[in-house]
Amino acid sequence: MLIGIHHVINDATKWEQGKQSLMSKMQAGTLPAGIKPVFVVPAKDQKVTFCLWEADSLDTVKKFIDRELGAAARNDYFEVDTKNAIGLPEVAAGKK
């Protein structure tokens, strides 16, 4: 399943620290089992970011992201309706 996250950043320093921790885990291949980032779309002003993750459940992503980013942002999570989405990468949309 695909999970979208809309982050509204309220502490830029903590956000950057959390983001660096996430990047390190991605590069080291140490993300929790069952989750994989698809893409990250930050706003130019760095006040909001949209992320898309592949995961076995929304709760798995939520627990991980909330632990990594803490109070750096307000995070709104939702399961993506892949049948009605436009422009998803083919692999993420289940087409490959």
PDB file of N, CA and C in Angstrom:
ATOM      1  N   MET A   1       0.843  -1.178   0.000  1.00  0.00           N
ATOM      2  CA  MET A   1       0.000   0.000   0.000  1.00  0.00           C
ATOM      3  C   MET A   1       0.882   1.231   0.000  1.00  0.00           C
ATOM      4  N   LEU A   2       0.335   2.334  -0.461  1.00  0.00           N
ATOM      5  CA  LEU A   2       1.054   3.603  -0.460  1.00  0.00           C
ATOM      6  C   LEU A   2       0.493   4.514   0.629  1.00  0.00           C
ATOM      7  N   ILE A   3       1.416   5.159   1.344  1.00  0.00           N
ATOM      8  CA  ILE A   3       1.050   6.073   2.414  1.00  0.00           C
ATOM      9  C   ILE A   3       1.600   7.452   2.068  1.00  0.00           C
ATOM     10  N   GLY A   4       0.721   8.447   2.041  1.00  0.00           N
ATOM     11  CA  GLY A   4       1.134   9.830   1.846  1.00  0.00           C
ATOM     12  C   GLY A   4       1.259  10.503   3.195  1.00  0.00           C
ATOM     13  N   ILE A   5       2.240  11.400   3.283  1.00  0.00           N
ATOM     14  CA  ILE A   5       2.415  12.176   4.522  1.00  0.00           C
ATOM     15  C   ILE A   5       2.599  13.640   4.137  1.00  0.00           C
ATOM     16  N   HIS A   6       1.777  14.490   4.718  1.00  0.00           N
ATOM     17  CA  HIS A   6       1.923  15.928   4.559  1.00  0.00           C
ATOM     18  C   HIS A   6       2.537  16.442   5.862  1.00  0.00           C
ATOM     19  N   HIS A   7       3.769  16.935   5.770  1.00  0.00           N
ATOM     20  CA  HIS A   7       4.488  17.449   6.936  1.00  0.00           C
ATOM     21  C   HIS A   7       4.412  18.972   6.939  1.00  0.00           C
ATOM     22  N   VAL A   8       3.981  19.542   8.036  1.00  0.00           N
ATOM     23  CA  VAL A   8       4.050  20.983   8.232  1.00  0.00           C
ATOM     24  C   VAL A   8       5.135  21.200   9.289  1.00  0.00           C
ATOM     25  N   ILE A   9       6.257  21.742   8.865  1.00  0.00           N
ATOM     26  CA  ILE A   9       7.452  21.832   9.697  1.00  0.00           C
ATOM     27  C   ILE A   9       7.321  23.001  10.662  1.00  0.00           C
ATOM     28  N   ASN A  10       7.510  22.703  11.959  1.00  0.00           N
ATOM     29  CA  ASN A  10       7.408  23.759  12.958  1.00  0.00           C
ATOM     30  C   ASN A  10       8.718  23.985  13.719  1.00  0.00           C
ATOM     31  N   ASP A  11       9.730  23.144  13.484  1.00  0.00           N
ATOM     32  CA  ASP A  11      11.051  23.323  14.091  1.00  0.00           C
ATOM     33  C   ASP A  11      12.090  22.892  13.055  1.00  0.00           C
ATOM     34  N   ALA A  12      12.623  23.876  12.334  1.00  0.00           N
ATOM     35  CA  ALA A  12      13.525  23.581  11.221  1.00  0.00           C
ATOM     36  C   ALA A  12      14.782  22.835  11.658  1.00  0.00           C
ATOM     37  N   THR A  13      15.314  23.142  12.830  1.00  0.00           N
ATOM     38  CA  THR A  13      16.527  22.475  13.311  1.00  0.00           C
ATOM     39  C   THR A  13      16.252  21.000  13.597  1.00  0.00           C
ATOM     40  N   LYS A  14      15.179  20.722  14.325  1.00  0.00           N
ATOM     41  CA  LYS A  14      14.819  19.330  14.620  1.00  0.00           C
ATOM     42  C   LYS A  14      14.449  18.581  13.344  1.00  0.00           C
ATOM     43  N   TRP A  15      13.786  19.260  12.417  1.00  0.00           N
ATOM     44  CA  TRP A  15      13.421  18.644  11.139  1.00  0.00           C
ATOM     45  C   TRP A  15      14.678  18.199  10.396  1.00  0.00           C
ATOM     46  N   GLU A  16      15.668  19.077  10.325  1.00  0.00           N
ATOM     47  CA  GLU A  16      16.908  18.768   9.615  1.00  0.00           C
ATOM     48  C   GLU A  16      17.630  17.590  10.276  1.00  0.00           C
ATOM     49  N   GLN A  17      17.642  17.559  11.598  1.00  0.00           N
ATOM     50  CA  GLN A  17      18.273  16.443  12.318  1.00  0.00           C
ATOM     51  C   GLN A  17      17.538  15.134  12.021  1.00  0.00           C
ATOM     52  N   GLY A  18      16.224  15.173  12.057  1.00  0.00           N
ATOM     53  CA  GLY A  18      15.431  13.982  11.764  1.00  0.00           C
ATOM     54  C   GLY A  18      15.604  13.535  10.323  1.00  0.00           C
ATOM     55  N   LYS A  19      15.629  14.498   9.418  1.00  0.00           N
ATOM     56  CA  LYS A  19      15.816  14.190   7.998  1.00  0.00           C
ATOM     57  C   LYS A  19      17.174  13.523   7.769  1.00  0.00           C
ATOM     58  N   GLN A  20      18.221  14.025   8.413  1.00  0.00           N
ATOM     59  CA  GLN A  20      19.547  13.426   8.270  1.00  0.00           C
ATOM     60  C   GLN A  20      19.571  11.999   8.830  1.00  0.00           C
ATOM     61  N   SER A  21      18.886  11.768   9.926  1.00  0.00           N
ATOM     62  CA  SER A  21      18.797  10.425  10.491  1.00  0.00           C
ATOM     63  C   SER A  21      18.092   9.477   9.519  1.00  0.00           C
ATOM     64  N   LEU A  22      16.989   9.950   8.929  1.00  0.00           N
ATOM     65  CA  LEU A  22      16.268   9.137   7.942  1.00  0.00           C
ATOM     66  C   LEU A  22      17.140   8.827   6.732  1.00  0.00           C
ATOM     67  N   MET A  23      17.844   9.834   6.234  1.00  0.00           N
ATOM     68  CA  MET A  23      18.718   9.634   5.074  1.00  0.00           C
ATOM     69  C   MET A  23      19.811   8.613   5.386  1.00  0.00           C
ATOM     70  N   SER A  24      20.370   8.695   6.570  1.00  0.00           N
ATOM     71  CA  SER A  24      21.407   7.736   6.967  1.00  0.00           C
ATOM     72  C   SER A  24      20.860   6.313   6.983  1.00  0.00           C
ATOM     73  N   LYS A  25      19.658   6.148   7.522  1.00  0.00           N
ATOM     74  CA  LYS A  25      19.032   4.819   7.565  1.00  0.00           C
ATOM     75  C   LYS A  25      18.740   4.309   6.151  1.00  0.00           C
ATOM     76  N   MET A  26      18.282   5.194   5.266  1.00  0.00           N
ATOM     77  CA  MET A  26      18.017   4.790   3.880  1.00  0.00           C
ATOM     78  C   MET A  26      19.304   4.340   3.203  1.00  0.00           C
ATOM     79  N   GLN A  27      20.355   5.119   3.356  1.00  0.00           N
ATOM     80  CA  GLN A  27      21.626   4.803   2.721  1.00  0.00           C
ATOM     81  C   GLN A  27      22.248   3.532   3.282  1.00  0.00           C
ATOM     82  N   ALA A  28      22.058   3.296   4.568  1.00  0.00           N
ATOM     83  CA  ALA A  28      22.630   2.110   5.208  1.00  0.00           C
ATOM     84  C   ALA A  28      21.749   0.870   5.031  1.00  0.00           C
ATOM     85  N   GLY A  29      20.541   1.065   4.495  1.00  0.00           N
ATOM     86  CA  GLY A  29      19.623  -0.052   4.332  1.00  0.00           C
ATOM     87  C   GLY A  29      19.062  -0.559   5.651  1.00  0.00           C
ATOM     88  N   THR A  30      18.892   0.352   6.614  1.00  0.00           N
ATOM     89  CA  THR A  30      18.426  -0.049   7.940  1.00  0.00           C
ATOM     90  C   THR A  30      17.038   0.483   8.285  1.00  0.00           C
ATOM     91  N   LEU A  31      16.241   0.767   7.264  1.00  0.00           N
ATOM     92  CA  LEU A  31      14.848   1.139   7.535  1.00  0.00           C
ATOM     93  C   LEU A  31      14.120  -0.079   8.080  1.00  0.00           C
ATOM     94  N   PRO A  32      13.075   0.128   8.855  1.00  0.00           N
ATOM     95  CA  PRO A  32      12.312  -1.016   9.358  1.00  0.00           C
ATOM     96  C   PRO A  32      11.757  -1.865   8.206  1.00  0.00           C
ATOM     97  N   ALA A  33      11.628  -3.140   8.457  1.00  0.00           N
ATOM     98  CA  ALA A  33      11.058  -4.051   7.455  1.00  0.00           C
ATOM     99  C   ALA A  33       9.666  -3.577   7.080  1.00  0.00           C
ATOM    100  N   GLY A  34       9.368  -3.662   5.800  1.00  0.00           N
ATOM    101  CA  GLY A  34       8.016  -3.358   5.337  1.00  0.00           C
ATOM    102  C   GLY A  34       7.788  -1.925   4.908  1.00  0.00           C
ATOM    103  N   ILE A  35       8.805  -1.064   4.976  1.00  0.00           N
ATOM    104  CA  ILE A  35       8.607   0.310   4.498  1.00  0.00           C
ATOM    105  C   ILE A  35       9.734   0.714   3.549  1.00  0.00           C
ATOM    106  N   LYS A  36       9.354   1.549   2.577  1.00  0.00           N
ATOM    107  CA  LYS A  36      10.314   2.022   1.583  1.00  0.00           C
ATOM    108  C   LYS A  36       9.864   3.390   1.088  1.00  0.00           C
ATOM    109  N   PRO A  37      10.778   4.368   1.083  1.00  0.00           N
ATOM    110  CA  PRO A  37      10.402   5.677   0.560  1.00  0.00           C
ATOM    111  C   PRO A  37      10.244   5.618  -0.953  1.00  0.00           C
ATOM    112  N   VAL A  38       9.249   6.328  -1.477  1.00  0.00           N
ATOM    113  CA  VAL A  38       9.031   6.413  -2.921  1.00  0.00           C
ATOM    114  C   VAL A  38       9.541   7.760  -3.420  1.00  0.00           C
ATOM    115  N   PHE A  39       9.053   8.849  -2.799  1.00  0.00           N
ATOM    116  CA  PHE A  39       9.591  10.164  -3.115  1.00  0.00           C
ATOM    117  C   PHE A  39       9.299  11.158  -2.005  1.00  0.00           C
ATOM    118  N   VAL A  40      10.090  12.233  -2.020  1.00  0.00           N
ATOM    119  CA  VAL A  40       9.967  13.317  -1.056  1.00  0.00           C
ATOM    120  C   VAL A  40       9.913  14.612  -1.856  1.00  0.00           C
ATOM    121  N   VAL A  41       8.924  15.459  -1.543  1.00  0.00           N
ATOM    122  CA  VAL A  41       8.742  16.709  -2.281  1.00  0.00           C
ATOM    123  C   VAL A  41       8.704  17.861  -1.272  1.00  0.00           C
ATOM    124  N   PRO A  42       9.868  18.488  -1.040  1.00  0.00           N
ATOM    125  CA  PRO A  42       9.892  19.616  -0.110  1.00  0.00           C
ATOM    126  C   PRO A  42       9.513  20.924  -0.800  1.00  0.00           C
ATOM    127  N   ALA A  43       8.890  21.818  -0.058  1.00  0.00           N
ATOM    128  CA  ALA A  43       8.608  23.160  -0.567  1.00  0.00           C
ATOM    129  C   ALA A  43       9.908  23.951  -0.602  1.00  0.00           C
ATOM    130  N   LYS A  44       9.985  24.868  -1.505  1.00  0.00           N
ATOM    131  CA  LYS A  44      11.186  25.687  -1.653  1.00  0.00           C
ATOM    132  C   LYS A  44      11.520  26.425  -0.355  1.00  0.00           C
ATOM    133  N   ASP A  45      10.492  26.856   0.386  1.00  0.00           N
ATOM    134  CA  ASP A  45      10.731  27.580   1.636  1.00  0.00           C
ATOM    135  C   ASP A  45      10.980  26.646   2.828  1.00  0.00           C
ATOM    136  N   GLN A  46      10.944  25.328   2.582  1.00  0.00           N
ATOM    137  CA  GLN A  46      11.230  24.317   3.611  1.00  0.00           C
ATOM    138  C   GLN A  46      10.236  24.335   4.779  1.00  0.00           C
ATOM    139  N   LYS A  47       9.026  24.853   4.535  1.00  0.00           N
ATOM    140  CA  LYS A  47       8.034  24.885   5.609  1.00  0.00           C
ATOM    141  C   LYS A  47       7.065  23.715   5.557  1.00  0.00           C
ATOM    142  N   VAL A  48       6.955  23.091   4.396  1.00  0.00           N
ATOM    143  CA  VAL A  48       6.128  21.889   4.240  1.00  0.00           C
ATOM    144  C   VAL A  48       6.860  20.901   3.333  1.00  0.00           C
ATOM    145  N   THR A  49       6.526  19.638   3.511  1.00  0.00           N
ATOM    146  CA  THR A  49       7.068  18.573   2.675  1.00  0.00           C
ATOM    147  C   THR A  49       5.983  17.536   2.481  1.00  0.00           C
ATOM    148  N   PHE A  50       5.956  16.930   1.301  1.00  0.00           N
ATOM    149  CA  PHE A  50       5.064  15.808   1.034  1.00  0.00           C
ATOM    150  C   PHE A  50       5.931  14.596   0.748  1.00  0.00           C
ATOM    151  N   CYS A  51       5.629  13.483   1.404  1.00  0.00           N
ATOM    152  CA  CYS A  51       6.369  12.239   1.204  1.00  0.00           C
ATOM    153  C   CYS A  51       5.398  11.131   0.814  1.00  0.00           C
ATOM    154  N   LEU A  52       5.913  10.185   0.055  1.00  0.00           N
ATOM    155  CA  LEU A  52       5.147   9.004  -0.314  1.00  0.00           C
ATOM    156  C   LEU A  52       5.986   7.787   0.042  1.00  0.00           C
ATOM    157  N   TRP A  53       5.388   6.862   0.767  1.00  0.00           N
ATOM    158  CA  TRP A  53       6.064   5.645   1.213  1.00  0.00           C
ATOM    159  C   TRP A  53       5.276   4.421   0.783  1.00  0.00           C
ATOM    160  N   GLU A  54       5.978   3.350   0.453  1.00  0.00           N
ATOM    161  CA  GLU A  54       5.363   2.031   0.305  1.00  0.00           C
ATOM    162  C   GLU A  54       5.476   1.370   1.668  1.00  0.00           C
ATOM    163  N   ALA A  55       4.406   0.720   2.109  1.00  0.00           N
ATOM    164  CA  ALA A  55       4.433   0.111   3.441  1.00  0.00           C
ATOM    165  C   ALA A  55       3.386  -0.983   3.547  1.00  0.00           C
ATOM    166  N   ASP A  56       3.567  -1.822   4.561  1.00  0.00           N
ATOM    167  CA  ASP A  56       2.581  -2.862   4.814  1.00  0.00           C
ATOM    168  C   ASP A  56       1.361  -2.312   5.553  1.00  0.00           C
ATOM    169  N   SER A  57       1.527  -1.161   6.232  1.00  0.00           N
ATOM    170  CA  SER A  57       0.386  -0.525   6.894  1.00  0.00           C
ATOM    171  C   SER A  57       0.699   0.939   7.179  1.00  0.00           C
ATOM    172  N   LEU A  58      -0.332   1.721   7.330  1.00  0.00           N
ATOM    173  CA  LEU A  58      -0.183   3.122   7.691  1.00  0.00           C
ATOM    174  C   LEU A  58       0.461   3.221   9.067  1.00  0.00           C
ATOM    175  N   ASP A  59       0.061   2.367   9.977  1.00  0.00           N
ATOM    176  CA  ASP A  59       0.578   2.413  11.346  1.00  0.00           C
ATOM    177  C   ASP A  59       2.089   2.181  11.393  1.00  0.00           C
ATOM    178  N   THR A  60       2.613   1.306  10.538  1.00  0.00           N
ATOM    179  CA  THR A  60       4.049   1.042  10.503  1.00  0.00           C
ATOM    180  C   THR A  60       4.818   2.311  10.151  1.00  0.00           C
ATOM    181  N   VAL A  61       4.355   3.015   9.123  1.00  0.00           N
ATOM    182  CA  VAL A  61       5.018   4.262   8.707  1.00  0.00           C
ATOM    183  C   VAL A  61       4.860   5.320   9.786  1.00  0.00           C
ATOM    184  N   LYS A  62       3.659   5.459  10.316  1.00  0.00           N
ATOM    185  CA  LYS A  62       3.384   6.490  11.324  1.00  0.00           C
ATOM    186  C   LYS A  62       4.292   6.316  12.545  1.00  0.00           C
ATOM    187  N   LYS A  63       4.392   5.112  13.058  1.00  0.00           N
ATOM    188  CA  LYS A  63       5.246   4.877  14.236  1.00  0.00           C
ATOM    189  C   LYS A  63       6.693   5.239  13.935  1.00  0.00           C
ATOM    190  N   PHE A  64       7.188   4.839  12.764  1.00  0.00           N
ATOM    191  CA  PHE A  64       8.569   5.107  12.408  1.00  0.00           C
ATOM    192  C   PHE A  64       8.825   6.605  12.223  1.00  0.00           C
ATOM    193  N   ILE A  65       8.004   7.257  11.425  1.00  0.00           N
ATOM    194  CA  ILE A  65       8.207   8.680  11.144  1.00  0.00           C
ATOM    195  C   ILE A  65       8.027   9.519  12.404  1.00  0.00           C
ATOM    196  N   ASP A  66       7.016   9.231  13.197  1.00  0.00           N
ATOM    197  CA  ASP A  66       6.813   9.991  14.428  1.00  0.00           C
ATOM    198  C   ASP A  66       7.999   9.824  15.378  1.00  0.00           C
ATOM    199  N   ARG A  67       8.577   8.633  15.429  1.00  0.00           N
ATOM    200  CA  ARG A  67       9.751   8.395  16.278  1.00  0.00           C
ATOM    201  C   ARG A  67      10.964   9.170  15.746  1.00  0.00           C
ATOM    202  N   GLU A  68      11.146   9.172  14.424  1.00  0.00           N
ATOM    203  CA  GLU A  68      12.314   9.822  13.821  1.00  0.00           C
ATOM    204  C   GLU A  68      12.219  11.345  13.824  1.00  0.00           C
ATOM    205  N   LEU A  69      11.041  11.875  13.581  1.00  0.00           N
ATOM    206  CA  LEU A  69      10.891  13.326  13.429  1.00  0.00           C
ATOM    207  C   LEU A  69      10.328  14.015  14.660  1.00  0.00           C
ATOM    208  N   GLY A  70       9.775  13.234  15.589  1.00  0.00           N
ATOM    209  CA  GLY A  70       9.278  13.804  16.831  1.00  0.00           C
ATOM    210  C   GLY A  70       8.350  14.974  16.612  1.00  0.00           C
ATOM    211  N   ALA A  71       8.614  16.047  17.342  1.00  0.00           N
ATOM    212  CA  ALA A  71       7.760  17.233  17.287  1.00  0.00           C
ATOM    213  C   ALA A  71       8.252  18.258  16.265  1.00  0.00           C
ATOM    214  N   ALA A  72       9.120  17.839  15.342  1.00  0.00           N
ATOM    215  CA  ALA A  72       9.652  18.777  14.346  1.00  0.00           C
ATOM    216  C   ALA A  72       8.589  19.235  13.357  1.00  0.00           C
ATOM    217  N   ALA A  73       7.524  18.433  13.219  1.00  0.00           N
ATOM    218  CA  ALA A  73       6.481  18.766  12.248  1.00  0.00           C
ATOM    219  C   ALA A  73       5.150  18.170  12.689  1.00  0.00           C
ATOM    220  N   ARG A  74       4.082  18.761  12.159  1.00  0.00           N
ATOM    221  CA  ARG A  74       2.768  18.123  12.273  1.00  0.00           C
ATOM    222  C   ARG A  74       2.669  17.218  11.050  1.00  0.00           C
ATOM    223  N   ASN A  75       2.391  15.951  11.275  1.00  0.00           N
ATOM    224  CA  ASN A  75       2.381  14.959  10.201  1.00  0.00           C
ATOM    225  C   ASN A  75       0.972  14.420  10.004  1.00  0.00           C
ATOM    226  N   ASP A  76       0.435  14.621   8.801  1.00  0.00           N
ATOM    227  CA  ASP A  76      -0.890  14.094   8.464  1.00  0.00           C
ATOM    228  C   ASP A  76      -0.695  12.917   7.514  1.00  0.00           C
ATOM    229  N   TYR A  77      -1.172  11.746   7.918  1.00  0.00           N
ATOM    230  CA  TYR A  77      -0.974  10.499   7.177  1.00  0.00           C
ATOM    231  C   TYR A  77      -2.265  10.076   6.486  1.00  0.00           C
ATOM    232  N   PHE A  78      -2.126   9.461   5.304  1.00  0.00           N
ATOM    233  CA  PHE A  78      -3.303   8.906   4.639  1.00  0.00           C
ATOM    234  C   PHE A  78      -2.891   7.787   3.697  1.00  0.00           C
ATOM    235  N   GLU A  79      -3.792   6.814   3.542  1.00  0.00           N
ATOM    236  CA  GLU A  79      -3.577   5.768   2.554  1.00  0.00           C
ATOM    237  C   GLU A  79      -3.968   6.321   1.190  1.00  0.00           C
ATOM    238  N   VAL A  80      -3.093   6.124   0.209  1.00  0.00           N
ATOM    239  CA  VAL A  80      -3.313   6.656  -1.127  1.00  0.00           C
ATOM    240  C   VAL A  80      -4.298   5.769  -1.889  1.00  0.00           C
ATOM    241  N   ASP A  81      -5.242   6.398  -2.557  1.00  0.00           N
ATOM    242  CA  ASP A  81      -6.183   5.711  -3.441  1.00  0.00           C
ATOM    243  C   ASP A  81      -5.491   5.555  -4.796  1.00  0.00           C
ATOM    244  N   THR A  82      -4.744   4.466  -4.970  1.00  0.00           N
ATOM    245  CA  THR A  82      -3.922   4.290  -6.175  1.00  0.00           C
ATOM    246  C   THR A  82      -4.751   4.174  -7.449  1.00  0.00           C
ATOM    247  N   LYS A  83      -5.985   3.717  -7.336  1.00  0.00           N
ATOM    248  CA  LYS A  83      -6.829   3.592  -8.532  1.00  0.00           C
ATOM    249  C   LYS A  83      -7.225   4.945  -9.099  1.00  0.00           C
ATOM    250  N   ASN A  84      -7.273   5.962  -8.257  1.00  0.00           N
ATOM    251  CA  ASN A  84      -7.693   7.288  -8.702  1.00  0.00           C
ATOM    252  C   ASN A  84      -6.567   8.318  -8.689  1.00  0.00           C
ATOM    253  N   ALA A  85      -5.366   7.894  -8.318  1.00  0.00           N
ATOM    254  CA  ALA A  85      -4.224   8.812  -8.295  1.00  0.00           C
ATOM    255  C   ALA A  85      -3.716   9.051  -9.716  1.00  0.00           C
ATOM    256  N   ILE A  86      -3.103  10.190  -9.917  1.00  0.00           N
ATOM    257  CA  ILE A  86      -2.531  10.560 -11.217  1.00  0.00           C
ATOM    258  C   ILE A  86      -1.040  10.811 -11.021  1.00  0.00           C
ATOM    259  N   GLY A  87      -0.215  10.240 -11.891  1.00  0.00           N
ATOM    260  CA  GLY A  87       1.206  10.525 -11.898  1.00  0.00           C
ATOM    261  C   GLY A  87       2.064   9.731 -10.932  1.00  0.00           C
ATOM    262  N   LEU A  88       1.517   8.676 -10.352  1.00  0.00           N
ATOM    263  CA  LEU A  88       2.344   7.856  -9.462  1.00  0.00           C
ATOM    264  C   LEU A  88       3.397   7.106 -10.270  1.00  0.00           C
ATOM    265  N   PRO A  89       4.586   6.901  -9.681  1.00  0.00           N
ATOM    266  CA  PRO A  89       5.547   6.033 -10.363  1.00  0.00           C
ATOM    267  C   PRO A  89       4.920   4.658 -10.588  1.00  0.00           C
ATOM    268  N   GLU A  90       5.213   4.033 -11.729  1.00  0.00           N
ATOM    269  CA  GLU A  90       4.572   2.764 -12.061  1.00  0.00           C
ATOM    270  C   GLU A  90       4.756   1.699 -10.998  1.00  0.00           C
ATOM    271  N   VAL A  91       5.950   1.583 -10.462  1.00  0.00           N
ATOM    272  CA  VAL A  91       6.196   0.562  -9.442  1.00  0.00           C
ATOM    273  C   VAL A  91       5.339   0.842  -8.211  1.00  0.00           C
ATOM    274  N   ALA A  92       5.268   2.093  -7.781  1.00  0.00           N
ATOM    275  CA  ALA A  92       4.482   2.456  -6.606  1.00  0.00           C
ATOM    276  C   ALA A  92       2.997   2.260  -6.833  1.00  0.00           C
ATOM    277  N   ALA A  93       2.547   2.439  -8.068  1.00  0.00           N
ATOM    278  CA  ALA A  93       1.130   2.300  -8.387  1.00  0.00           C
ATOM    279  C   ALA A  93       0.739   0.840  -8.603  1.00  0.00           C
ATOM    280  N   GLY A  94       1.719  -0.070  -8.474  1.00  0.00           N
ATOM    281  CA  GLY A  94       1.425  -1.493  -8.645  1.00  0.00           C
ATOM    282  C   GLY A  94       1.306  -1.920 -10.092  1.00  0.00           C
ATOM    283  N   LYS A  95       1.911  -1.171 -11.009  1.00  0.00           N
ATOM    284  CA  LYS A  95       1.773  -1.488 -12.430  1.00  0.00           C
ATOM    285  C   LYS A  95       2.968  -2.260 -12.977  1.00  0.00           C
ATOM    286  N   LYS A  96       3.978  -2.519 -12.164  1.00  0.00           N
ATOM    287  CA  LYS A  96       5.133  -3.304 -12.606  1.00  0.00           C
ATOM    288  C   LYS A  96       5.380  -4.419 -11.656  1.00  0.00           C
TER     289      LYS A  96
END
